[in-house]
Amino acid sequence: MDKDYEMLKTEPRWWRLRRETLGLHRYCERCGRNLSSVVRHKIPVSSGYNYNDKKRLMYDRGNLEAVCRECMDRIMSGHGR
């Protein structure tokens, strides 16, 4: 895993943004059926070229998507992209 991402996801700013995103999108933005429980980055933070680029991706609200566990599992397996 990317060391910059690992550090950024421990910051209070991320946890606040995650909580706000889940509050704004109670239901999964993919399927709309289940409650959202995961906030994912549409463009992975690890794809940033340097720390500042990764930080921008991490906190960009437009790069976030609130999804349910079922959809996240589908995305991670490559079937929900």
C-alpha atoms as a PDB file:
ATOM      1  CA  MET A   1       0.000   0.000   0.000  1.00  0.00           C
ATOM      2  CA  ASP A   2       1.081   3.565  -0.625  1.00  0.00           C
ATOM      3  CA  LYS A   3       2.763   5.096   2.456  1.00  0.00           C
ATOM      4  CA  ASP A   4       1.407   8.595   1.740  1.00  0.00           C
ATOM      5  CA  TYR A   5      -2.142   7.248   1.467  1.00  0.00           C
ATOM      6  CA  GLU A   6      -1.709   5.246   4.668  1.00  0.00           C
ATOM      7  CA  MET A   7      -0.662   8.422   6.472  1.00  0.00           C
ATOM      8  CA  LEU A   8      -3.401  10.618   4.963  1.00  0.00           C
ATOM      9  CA  LYS A   9      -6.179   8.217   5.929  1.00  0.00           C
ATOM     10  CA  THR A  10      -5.266   8.537   9.611  1.00  0.00           C
ATOM     11  CA  GLU A  11      -5.706  12.333   9.650  1.00  0.00           C
ATOM     12  CA  PRO A  12      -8.770  13.808  11.409  1.00  0.00           C
ATOM     13  CA  ARG A  13      -9.551  15.805   8.260  1.00  0.00           C
ATOM     14  CA  TRP A  14     -10.167  12.543   6.367  1.00  0.00           C
ATOM     15  CA  TRP A  15     -12.405  11.112   9.089  1.00  0.00           C
ATOM     16  CA  ARG A  16     -14.502  14.307   9.134  1.00  0.00           C
ATOM     17  CA  LEU A  17     -14.845  14.293   5.352  1.00  0.00           C
ATOM     18  CA  ARG A  18     -15.739  10.587   5.376  1.00  0.00           C
ATOM     19  CA  ARG A  19     -18.417  11.150   8.024  1.00  0.00           C
ATOM     20  CA  GLU A  20     -19.834  14.134   6.101  1.00  0.00           C
ATOM     21  CA  THR A  21     -19.919  12.151   2.846  1.00  0.00           C
ATOM     22  CA  LEU A  22     -21.759   9.239   4.453  1.00  0.00           C
ATOM     23  CA  GLY A  23     -24.193  11.736   6.015  1.00  0.00           C
ATOM     24  CA  LEU A  24     -24.925  13.345   2.646  1.00  0.00           C
ATOM     25  CA  HIS A  25     -25.332  10.019   0.844  1.00  0.00           C
ATOM     26  CA  ARG A  26     -27.158   7.672   3.182  1.00  0.00           C
ATOM     27  CA  TYR A  27     -27.839   5.228   0.370  1.00  0.00           C
ATOM     28  CA  CYS A  28     -25.264   3.711  -1.946  1.00  0.00           C
ATOM     29  CA  GLU A  29     -24.478   5.969  -4.896  1.00  0.00           C
ATOM     30  CA  ARG A  30     -24.077   2.881  -7.092  1.00  0.00           C
ATOM     31  CA  CYS A  31     -27.106   0.683  -6.417  1.00  0.00           C
ATOM     32  CA  GLY A  32     -29.307   2.993  -4.342  1.00  0.00           C
ATOM     33  CA  ARG A  33     -30.708  -0.006  -2.445  1.00  0.00           C
ATOM     34  CA  ASN A  34     -28.390  -0.410   0.517  1.00  0.00           C
ATOM     35  CA  LEU A  35     -27.140   2.020   3.134  1.00  0.00           C
ATOM     36  CA  SER A  36     -23.715   3.380   2.262  1.00  0.00           C
ATOM     37  CA  SER A  37     -20.947   2.317   4.607  1.00  0.00           C
ATOM     38  CA  VAL A  38     -17.755   2.925   2.612  1.00  0.00           C
ATOM     39  CA  VAL A  39     -16.335   6.090   1.070  1.00  0.00           C
ATOM     40  CA  ARG A  40     -14.154   5.310  -1.921  1.00  0.00           C
ATOM     41  CA  HIS A  41     -11.976   7.444  -4.147  1.00  0.00           C
ATOM     42  CA  LYS A  42     -13.031   7.321  -7.809  1.00  0.00           C
ATOM     43  CA  ILE A  43      -9.447   8.120  -8.807  1.00  0.00           C
ATOM     44  CA  PRO A  44      -7.201   6.217  -6.396  1.00  0.00           C
ATOM     45  CA  VAL A  45      -5.095   8.408  -4.139  1.00  0.00           C
ATOM     46  CA  SER A  46      -2.101   6.188  -4.880  1.00  0.00           C
ATOM     47  CA  SER A  47      -2.221   7.292  -8.536  1.00  0.00           C
ATOM     48  CA  GLY A  48      -1.003  10.771  -7.530  1.00  0.00           C
ATOM     49  CA  TYR A  49       2.469  11.710  -8.718  1.00  0.00           C
ATOM     50  CA  ASN A  50       3.650  13.204  -5.440  1.00  0.00           C
ATOM     51  CA  TYR A  51       2.446  13.899  -1.908  1.00  0.00           C
ATOM     52  CA  ASN A  52       0.614  17.123  -2.822  1.00  0.00           C
ATOM     53  CA  ASP A  53      -1.164  15.451  -5.743  1.00  0.00           C
ATOM     54  CA  LYS A  54      -2.197  12.563  -3.477  1.00  0.00           C
ATOM     55  CA  LYS A  55      -3.433  14.991  -0.829  1.00  0.00           C
ATOM     56  CA  ARG A  56      -5.546  16.776  -3.446  1.00  0.00           C
ATOM     57  CA  LEU A  57      -7.106  13.473  -4.542  1.00  0.00           C
ATOM     58  CA  MET A  58      -7.685  12.444  -0.933  1.00  0.00           C
ATOM     59  CA  TYR A  59      -9.734  15.490   0.027  1.00  0.00           C
ATOM     60  CA  ASP A  60     -11.449  16.314  -3.282  1.00  0.00           C
ATOM     61  CA  ARG A  61     -15.184  15.872  -2.613  1.00  0.00           C
ATOM     62  CA  GLY A  62     -15.749  15.292  -6.332  1.00  0.00           C
ATOM     63  CA  ASN A  63     -13.443  12.288  -6.140  1.00  0.00           C
ATOM     64  CA  LEU A  64     -15.489  10.611  -3.386  1.00  0.00           C
ATOM     65  CA  GLU A  65     -18.299   8.105  -3.698  1.00  0.00           C
ATOM     66  CA  ALA A  66     -20.359   6.643  -0.833  1.00  0.00           C
ATOM     67  CA  VAL A  67     -21.137   2.994  -1.531  1.00  0.00           C
ATOM     68  CA  CYS A  68     -22.435  -0.085   0.261  1.00  0.00           C
ATOM     69  CA  ARG A  69     -20.147  -3.001   1.117  1.00  0.00           C
ATOM     70  CA  GLU A  70     -21.694  -5.153  -1.624  1.00  0.00           C
ATOM     71  CA  CYS A  71     -20.915  -2.596  -4.347  1.00  0.00           C
ATOM     72  CA  MET A  72     -17.435  -1.974  -2.931  1.00  0.00           C
ATOM     73  CA  ASP A  73     -16.689  -5.694  -3.088  1.00  0.00           C
ATOM     74  CA  ARG A  74     -17.888  -5.715  -6.712  1.00  0.00           C
ATOM     75  CA  ILE A  75     -15.701  -2.702  -7.537  1.00  0.00           C
ATOM     76  CA  MET A  76     -12.638  -4.243  -5.886  1.00  0.00           C
ATOM     77  CA  SER A  77     -13.118  -7.509  -7.774  1.00  0.00           C
ATOM     78  CA  GLY A  78     -13.204  -5.575 -11.061  1.00  0.00           C
ATOM     79  CA  HIS A  79     -16.872  -6.203 -11.851  1.00  0.00           C
ATOM     80  CA  GLY A  80     -18.344  -2.857 -10.857  1.00  0.00           C
ATOM     81  CA  ARG A  81     -16.179  -0.262 -12.564  1.00  0.00           C
END
